[in-house]
Amino acid sequence: MADACDHDPADGPLDPVDVLDRIVYLLDRRLEEGRRVRAYANARDLVAELDPDELRTRHRERTLTELPGIGPATSAVIAEALDGKAPKKLTELEATNPIDVGEGAELRAALRGDCHLHSNWSDGGAPIEKMAEAARALGHEYMVLTDHSPRLTIAHGLDPDRLRKQLDVIDELNGRWDDFRILTGIEVDILADGTLDQDEDLLDRLDVVVASVHSKLSMDAKEMTRRMVMAVASPHVDILGHCTGQKVPGHQRPIGKSDFAGRVGSSFDAEVVFAACARFDTAVEINCRPERQDPPDHLLELALEWGCKLSIDTDAHAPGQLEWQPFGCDKAARHGVAPEQVVNTWAADQLVEWASAHPT
């Protein structure tokens, strides 16, 4: 939809649904405030269901804002699109906050997929199919769908029954492409005692399992170390997600305008945790979310000293966020990471074979 910015009005109207959808994508990409993204997403969905004749009539009579959920900003976008003009909001977003690949260009070119992302089955903002189409458009050969596990109720985590239903949906969707594949997965919570928040038989069925700590981040360092080691030692766990759980202050974000205050990450014996990752062949994730930037540089260096494999993942919760991998690639490149150290530079079959063959 980027070519809409160069659209000639003489060529006729633009599709307001496509324009609004692109705006939502770009707002998500720059990690815009949720309520603002939802305003454009709601307008997109409403316009998609509206009779085109009614939409044109309302535009002509200037009554678009009488529709519930259509305000001055979204009505301006719709009007400009119907007039065949490049909407100012779209032009502004396309021109600002581009994500450019820097020193990690070689790594980004080598990546064949993304091993950590969410759909609207848990706390993501888009259906599985839309996430897949966005990943495919970025040149990925696969994505690992890793919606949350049940204990994370705030994220609408998947209980065993819902996860089984999701596996059936993925199986059906995979019949639609011959150049792209959705791998089954989960971001399973590491519970306080080190156990995993999902049935073992289901974890065994999945292609790739990311395990992360989401609760009690301030627990005693010794107990946190034990908790994490138990998880990475599990034969079900393939990737340790955002290992510290930190969130950096908003002014340090490479994109977006948030003033988020940040969150201090958990304390643990990183030597012991990364030694366990190396021993049990569990990859350490470089989480590309701009508010996470996890692990910090000194911990990434330590993971590399232990010879840990890595996975460069977006932790995307919306299609536009799938573009965040360059942040992690640039970080990895600064530490001299070679493509062969990163598991998602591998083909899907190699990744799945590795994930199913952890030592015990």
Protein backbone atom coordinates (compact mmCIF):
# COMPACT_ATOMS: atom_id res chain seq x y z
CA MET A 1 0.00 0.00 0.00
CA ALA A 2 3.08 2.25 0.17
CA ASP A 3 2.53 3.20 -3.48
CA ALA A 4 -0.72 4.92 -2.40
CA CYS A 5 1.46 7.86 -1.38
CA ASP A 6 2.19 8.46 -5.08
CA HIS A 7 -1.39 7.89 -6.20
CA ASP A 8 -2.72 10.21 -8.92
CA PRO A 9 -6.32 11.36 -8.23
CA ALA A 10 -6.98 10.99 -11.96
CA ASP A 11 -6.61 7.24 -11.48
CA GLY A 12 -9.70 7.15 -9.30
CA PRO A 13 -10.39 6.50 -5.62
CA LEU A 14 -8.26 4.45 -3.27
CA ASP A 15 -9.83 1.65 -1.25
CA PRO A 16 -10.41 3.12 2.25
CA VAL A 17 -10.19 -0.34 3.83
CA ASP A 18 -6.73 -0.93 2.34
CA VAL A 19 -5.59 2.54 3.37
CA LEU A 20 -6.84 2.15 6.95
CA ASP A 21 -5.30 -1.32 7.15
CA ARG A 22 -1.92 0.06 6.09
CA ILE A 23 -2.19 2.81 8.69
CA VAL A 24 -2.88 0.21 11.38
CA TYR A 25 0.15 -1.77 10.19
CA LEU A 26 2.42 1.28 10.38
CA LEU A 27 1.09 2.38 13.77
CA ASP A 28 1.76 -1.10 15.14
CA ARG A 29 5.23 -1.07 13.58
CA ARG A 30 6.17 2.05 15.51
CA LEU A 31 4.56 0.76 18.71
CA GLU A 32 1.93 3.47 18.83
CA GLU A 33 -0.44 3.75 21.78
CA GLY A 34 -2.99 0.93 21.73
CA ARG A 35 -6.11 3.09 21.81
CA ARG A 36 -4.94 4.99 18.73
CA VAL A 37 -4.29 1.79 16.81
CA ARG A 38 -7.69 0.45 17.80
CA ALA A 39 -9.40 3.61 16.54
CA TYR A 40 -8.08 3.05 13.03
CA ALA A 41 -8.63 -0.72 13.22
CA ASN A 42 -12.26 -0.23 14.29
CA ALA A 43 -12.79 2.26 11.47
CA ARG A 44 -11.28 -0.22 8.99
CA ASP A 45 -13.57 -3.00 10.18
CA LEU A 46 -16.65 -0.78 10.08
CA VAL A 47 -15.92 0.44 6.55
CA ALA A 48 -15.29 -3.12 5.39
CA GLU A 49 -18.82 -4.08 6.46
CA LEU A 50 -20.49 -0.95 5.13
CA ASP A 51 -22.28 -0.86 1.78
CA PRO A 52 -19.98 1.01 -0.65
CA ASP A 53 -22.87 3.14 -1.91
CA GLU A 54 -23.70 4.26 1.63
CA LEU A 55 -20.04 5.08 2.25
CA ARG A 56 -19.87 7.25 -0.87
CA THR A 57 -23.16 8.94 -0.01
CA ARG A 58 -22.00 9.74 3.51
CA HIS A 59 -18.75 11.12 2.12
CA ARG A 60 -20.63 13.29 -0.33
CA GLU A 61 -23.01 14.53 2.37
CA ARG A 62 -20.20 14.85 4.93
CA THR A 63 -21.89 12.58 7.45
CA LEU A 64 -19.10 10.03 7.94
CA THR A 65 -18.60 11.08 11.56
CA GLU A 66 -22.20 10.16 12.34
CA LEU A 67 -21.13 6.53 12.10
CA PRO A 68 -20.20 5.04 15.48
CA GLY A 69 -16.43 4.79 15.77
CA ILE A 70 -15.63 7.21 12.96
CA GLY A 71 -14.04 10.40 14.25
CA PRO A 72 -12.45 13.41 12.58
CA ALA A 73 -9.08 11.69 11.99
CA THR A 74 -10.43 8.47 10.49
CA SER A 75 -13.12 10.28 8.49
CA ALA A 76 -10.41 12.48 6.94
CA VAL A 77 -8.51 9.38 5.84
CA ILE A 78 -11.65 7.84 4.33
CA ALA A 79 -12.58 11.06 2.53
CA GLU A 80 -9.10 11.55 1.06
CA ALA A 81 -9.02 7.93 -0.11
CA LEU A 82 -12.43 8.23 -1.80
CA ASP A 83 -11.24 11.44 -3.48
CA GLY A 84 -8.27 9.55 -4.90
CA LYS A 85 -5.79 11.51 -2.79
CA ALA A 86 -2.98 10.03 -0.76
CA PRO A 87 -4.22 10.46 2.84
CA LYS A 88 -1.99 12.79 4.83
CA LYS A 89 -1.88 10.36 7.75
CA LEU A 90 -0.64 7.55 5.54
CA THR A 91 1.97 9.76 3.87
CA GLU A 92 3.24 10.90 7.26
CA LEU A 93 3.53 7.37 8.61
CA GLU A 94 5.28 6.03 5.52
CA ALA A 95 7.83 8.83 5.75
CA THR A 96 8.58 8.51 9.47
CA ASN A 97 10.14 5.78 11.59
CA PRO A 98 11.40 3.55 8.77
CA ILE A 99 13.17 0.42 9.96
CA ASP A 100 16.50 0.23 8.19
CA VAL A 101 18.89 -2.69 8.43
CA GLY A 102 22.29 -1.51 9.64
CA GLU A 103 25.31 -3.58 10.57
CA GLY A 104 23.10 -6.65 10.89
CA ALA A 105 22.17 -6.72 7.19
CA GLU A 106 23.93 -10.05 6.57
CA LEU A 107 22.12 -11.66 9.49
CA ARG A 108 18.74 -10.27 8.47
CA ALA A 109 19.24 -11.60 4.94
CA ALA A 110 20.05 -15.02 6.39
CA LEU A 111 16.95 -15.27 8.58
CA ARG A 112 14.36 -17.65 7.19
CA GLY A 113 11.68 -17.24 9.83
CA ASP A 114 10.55 -15.84 13.15
CA CYS A 115 10.27 -18.15 16.17
CA HIS A 116 8.23 -15.99 18.56
CA LEU A 117 5.02 -14.17 17.66
CA HIS A 118 1.40 -13.94 18.77
CA SER A 119 -2.04 -13.91 17.17
CA ASN A 120 -5.47 -12.86 18.40
CA TRP A 121 -5.86 -16.33 19.89
CA SER A 122 -4.03 -14.86 22.90
CA ASP A 123 -2.99 -11.19 23.22
CA GLY A 124 -2.06 -10.47 19.61
CA GLY A 125 -4.05 -8.08 17.46
CA ALA A 126 -4.49 -10.06 14.24
CA PRO A 127 -5.70 -13.47 13.07
CA ILE A 128 -3.19 -16.23 12.41
CA GLU A 129 -3.66 -15.97 8.66
CA LYS A 130 -2.94 -12.24 8.64
CA MET A 131 0.25 -12.73 10.66
CA ALA A 132 1.27 -15.46 8.23
CA GLU A 133 0.64 -13.31 5.17
CA ALA A 134 2.67 -10.47 6.68
CA ALA A 135 5.56 -12.81 7.49
CA ARG A 136 5.43 -14.26 3.99
CA ALA A 137 5.46 -10.76 2.48
CA LEU A 138 8.68 -10.05 4.40
CA GLY A 139 10.32 -13.00 2.69
CA HIS A 140 10.05 -15.50 5.52
CA GLU A 141 9.76 -19.18 4.71
CA TYR A 142 8.05 -19.94 8.02
CA MET A 143 6.84 -18.51 11.29
CA VAL A 144 6.42 -20.23 14.64
CA LEU A 145 3.10 -19.32 16.22
CA THR A 146 3.72 -18.96 19.96
CA ASP A 147 0.57 -17.77 21.68
CA HIS A 148 0.60 -17.69 25.46
CA SER A 149 -0.11 -20.58 27.83
CA PRO A 150 -3.15 -20.70 30.15
CA ARG A 151 -1.72 -19.27 33.38
CA LEU A 152 -1.23 -15.89 31.69
CA THR A 153 -4.91 -15.06 31.90
CA ILE A 154 -4.37 -11.37 31.19
CA ALA A 155 -3.12 -12.45 27.75
CA HIS A 156 -5.98 -14.91 27.21
CA GLY A 157 -3.55 -17.81 27.22
CA LEU A 158 -4.47 -21.09 25.54
CA ASP A 159 -5.72 -23.94 27.71
CA PRO A 160 -5.20 -27.46 26.33
CA ASP A 161 -8.52 -27.55 24.48
CA ARG A 162 -7.95 -24.21 22.76
CA LEU A 163 -4.39 -25.18 21.84
CA ARG A 164 -5.65 -28.40 20.23
CA LYS A 165 -8.17 -26.37 18.22
CA GLN A 166 -5.41 -24.00 17.15
CA LEU A 167 -3.33 -26.93 15.90
CA ASP A 168 -6.23 -27.96 13.68
CA VAL A 169 -6.51 -24.40 12.33
CA ILE A 170 -2.79 -24.30 11.56
CA ASP A 171 -3.03 -27.62 9.75
CA GLU A 172 -5.80 -26.22 7.56
CA LEU A 173 -3.97 -22.95 6.87
CA ASN A 174 -0.79 -24.72 5.85
CA GLY A 175 -2.63 -26.13 2.87
CA ARG A 176 -2.88 -22.63 1.38
CA TRP A 177 0.78 -21.99 0.56
CA ASP A 178 3.51 -23.92 -1.15
CA ASP A 179 6.25 -21.40 -0.24
CA PHE A 180 5.43 -20.74 3.42
CA ARG A 181 4.73 -22.78 6.54
CA ILE A 182 3.27 -22.07 9.96
CA LEU A 183 5.13 -24.10 12.57
CA THR A 184 3.25 -25.03 15.72
CA GLY A 185 4.49 -23.59 18.98
CA ILE A 186 3.74 -21.83 22.23
CA GLU A 187 5.28 -19.29 24.56
CA VAL A 188 4.92 -21.39 27.65
CA ASP A 189 5.10 -19.73 31.05
CA ILE A 190 7.90 -20.85 33.36
CA LEU A 191 6.04 -21.17 36.64
CA ALA A 192 7.57 -20.16 39.97
CA ASP A 193 8.67 -23.74 40.72
CA GLY A 194 10.30 -24.16 37.29
CA THR A 195 7.56 -26.32 35.80
CA LEU A 196 5.94 -25.49 32.47
CA ASP A 197 2.42 -24.15 32.10
CA GLN A 198 1.03 -26.69 29.61
CA ASP A 199 0.33 -30.40 29.35
CA GLU A 200 3.46 -32.36 28.50
CA ASP A 201 1.76 -34.39 25.80
CA LEU A 202 0.78 -31.17 24.03
CA LEU A 203 4.25 -29.67 24.39
CA ASP A 204 5.60 -32.84 22.82
CA ARG A 205 3.35 -32.32 19.77
CA LEU A 206 4.62 -28.82 19.05
CA ASP A 207 7.35 -27.99 16.56
CA VAL A 208 9.05 -25.30 18.67
CA VAL A 209 8.56 -24.25 22.31
CA VAL A 210 9.63 -20.86 23.67
CA ALA A 211 9.71 -20.72 27.49
CA SER A 212 9.56 -17.37 29.30
CA VAL A 213 9.18 -15.95 32.79
CA HIS A 214 6.26 -13.53 33.07
CA SER A 215 5.52 -13.49 36.80
CA LYS A 216 7.34 -12.88 40.09
CA LEU A 217 10.26 -11.25 38.28
CA SER A 218 11.58 -9.90 41.59
CA MET A 219 11.94 -13.29 43.27
CA ASP A 220 15.22 -14.20 44.97
CA ALA A 221 18.10 -14.60 42.47
CA LYS A 222 18.92 -18.11 43.68
CA GLU A 223 15.33 -19.26 43.26
CA MET A 224 15.04 -17.53 39.87
CA THR A 225 18.19 -19.33 38.73
CA ARG A 226 16.75 -22.68 39.79
CA ARG A 227 13.44 -21.81 38.11
CA MET A 228 15.08 -20.98 34.79
CA VAL A 229 17.50 -23.90 34.80
CA MET A 230 14.66 -26.36 35.38
CA ALA A 231 12.88 -24.93 32.34
CA VAL A 232 15.81 -24.85 29.92
CA ALA A 233 16.72 -28.39 30.97
CA SER A 234 13.30 -29.65 29.90
CA PRO A 235 13.41 -31.70 26.68
CA HIS A 236 10.30 -29.78 25.60
CA VAL A 237 11.94 -26.32 25.70
CA ASP A 238 13.81 -25.10 22.63
CA ILE A 239 14.24 -21.35 23.20
CA LEU A 240 14.57 -19.28 26.37
CA GLY A 241 12.48 -16.16 25.72
CA HIS A 242 13.38 -12.59 26.87
CA CYS A 243 15.58 -13.92 29.66
CA THR A 244 15.55 -10.93 32.05
CA GLY A 245 12.02 -9.70 31.40
CA GLN A 246 13.31 -6.12 31.38
CA LYS A 247 11.50 -3.23 29.72
CA VAL A 248 13.64 -0.23 28.89
CA PRO A 249 12.42 3.34 29.42
CA GLY A 250 10.48 4.79 26.51
CA HIS A 251 13.00 7.49 25.67
CA GLN A 252 15.52 4.77 24.80
CA ARG A 253 13.25 3.11 22.27
CA PRO A 254 14.49 3.21 18.69
CA ILE A 255 10.94 3.86 17.47
CA GLY A 256 7.69 5.24 18.82
CA LYS A 257 7.00 8.11 21.16
CA SER A 258 6.07 6.35 24.39
CA ASP A 259 7.18 7.71 27.76
CA PHE A 260 7.00 4.22 29.30
CA ALA A 261 8.90 4.25 32.58
CA GLY A 262 10.55 0.86 32.13
CA ARG A 263 10.91 -2.25 34.28
CA VAL A 264 14.00 -3.70 35.90
CA GLY A 265 14.68 -7.25 34.81
CA SER A 266 14.97 -10.24 37.10
CA SER A 267 18.19 -11.23 38.86
CA PHE A 268 19.69 -14.68 38.34
CA ASP A 269 23.07 -16.39 38.03
CA ALA A 270 23.57 -15.96 34.30
CA GLU A 271 26.65 -18.19 34.27
CA VAL A 272 24.57 -21.09 35.56
CA VAL A 273 21.56 -20.39 33.31
CA PHE A 274 23.60 -20.05 30.12
CA ALA A 275 25.69 -23.07 31.04
CA ALA A 276 22.43 -25.00 31.25
CA CYS A 277 21.31 -23.59 27.90
CA ALA A 278 24.58 -24.79 26.36
CA ARG A 279 24.36 -28.20 28.06
CA PHE A 280 20.76 -28.83 26.98
CA ASP A 281 21.09 -27.12 23.59
CA THR A 282 18.42 -24.53 24.36
CA ALA A 283 18.75 -21.34 22.32
CA VAL A 284 18.81 -17.92 23.97
CA GLU A 285 16.44 -15.46 22.37
CA ILE A 286 17.46 -12.01 21.22
CA ASN A 287 14.09 -10.34 21.67
CA CYS A 288 13.66 -7.58 19.08
CA ARG A 289 10.80 -5.71 20.75
CA PRO A 290 12.06 -2.14 21.13
CA GLU A 291 10.83 -1.90 24.71
CA ARG A 292 12.58 -5.15 25.68
CA GLN A 293 16.01 -5.21 23.97
CA ASP A 294 16.63 -8.42 25.88
CA PRO A 295 19.17 -9.76 26.75
CA PRO A 296 21.27 -6.74 27.70
CA ASP A 297 24.65 -6.59 25.98
CA HIS A 298 26.67 -8.01 28.89
CA LEU A 299 24.38 -11.04 29.15
CA LEU A 300 24.39 -11.65 25.41
CA GLU A 301 28.20 -11.64 25.52
CA LEU A 302 28.10 -14.19 28.33
CA ALA A 303 25.68 -16.43 26.42
CA LEU A 304 28.08 -16.35 23.47
CA GLU A 305 31.02 -17.22 25.73
CA TRP A 306 29.11 -20.32 26.78
CA GLY A 307 28.54 -21.22 23.12
CA CYS A 308 24.75 -20.87 23.27
CA LYS A 309 22.72 -20.91 20.11
CA LEU A 310 20.56 -17.86 19.50
CA SER A 311 17.15 -17.08 18.03
CA ILE A 312 16.42 -13.56 16.73
CA ASP A 313 12.69 -13.05 17.23
CA THR A 314 10.25 -10.16 17.10
CA ASP A 315 7.78 -11.25 19.79
CA ALA A 316 5.33 -9.54 17.43
CA HIS A 317 1.75 -8.97 18.54
CA ALA A 318 0.66 -7.40 15.23
CA PRO A 319 1.70 -7.72 11.56
CA GLY A 320 3.69 -4.46 11.45
CA GLN A 321 5.83 -5.62 14.37
CA LEU A 322 7.19 -8.49 12.29
CA GLU A 323 9.49 -5.88 10.74
CA TRP A 324 11.42 -5.50 14.01
CA GLN A 325 14.02 -8.22 13.36
CA PRO A 326 16.69 -5.71 12.20
CA PHE A 327 16.89 -4.41 15.78
CA GLY A 328 17.99 -7.83 16.99
CA CYS A 329 20.19 -8.44 13.96
CA ASP A 330 22.08 -5.20 14.51
CA LYS A 331 22.56 -6.08 18.17
CA ALA A 332 23.84 -9.56 17.27
CA ALA A 333 26.19 -8.16 14.64
CA ARG A 334 27.77 -5.83 17.20
CA HIS A 335 28.70 -8.95 19.16
CA GLY A 336 30.13 -10.77 16.15
CA VAL A 337 27.33 -13.33 15.86
CA ALA A 338 27.61 -15.47 12.73
CA PRO A 339 24.49 -16.66 10.86
CA GLU A 340 25.16 -20.31 11.68
CA GLN A 341 24.78 -19.53 15.41
CA VAL A 342 21.17 -18.42 14.89
CA VAL A 343 18.58 -21.19 14.71
CA ASN A 344 16.11 -19.25 12.57
CA THR A 345 18.63 -19.00 9.76
CA TRP A 346 17.93 -22.70 9.29
CA ALA A 347 15.30 -24.20 7.00
CA ALA A 348 12.07 -25.24 8.69
CA ASP A 349 12.82 -28.96 8.59
CA GLN A 350 16.24 -28.45 10.16
CA LEU A 351 14.76 -26.25 12.87
CA VAL A 352 12.07 -28.80 13.71
CA GLU A 353 14.58 -31.67 13.70
CA TRP A 354 16.84 -29.77 16.10
CA ALA A 355 13.92 -28.89 18.37
CA SER A 356 12.90 -32.53 18.64
CA ALA A 357 16.38 -33.79 19.51
CA HIS A 358 17.43 -32.05 22.73
CA PRO A 359 19.79 -33.96 25.03
CA THR A 360 18.49 -35.16 28.39
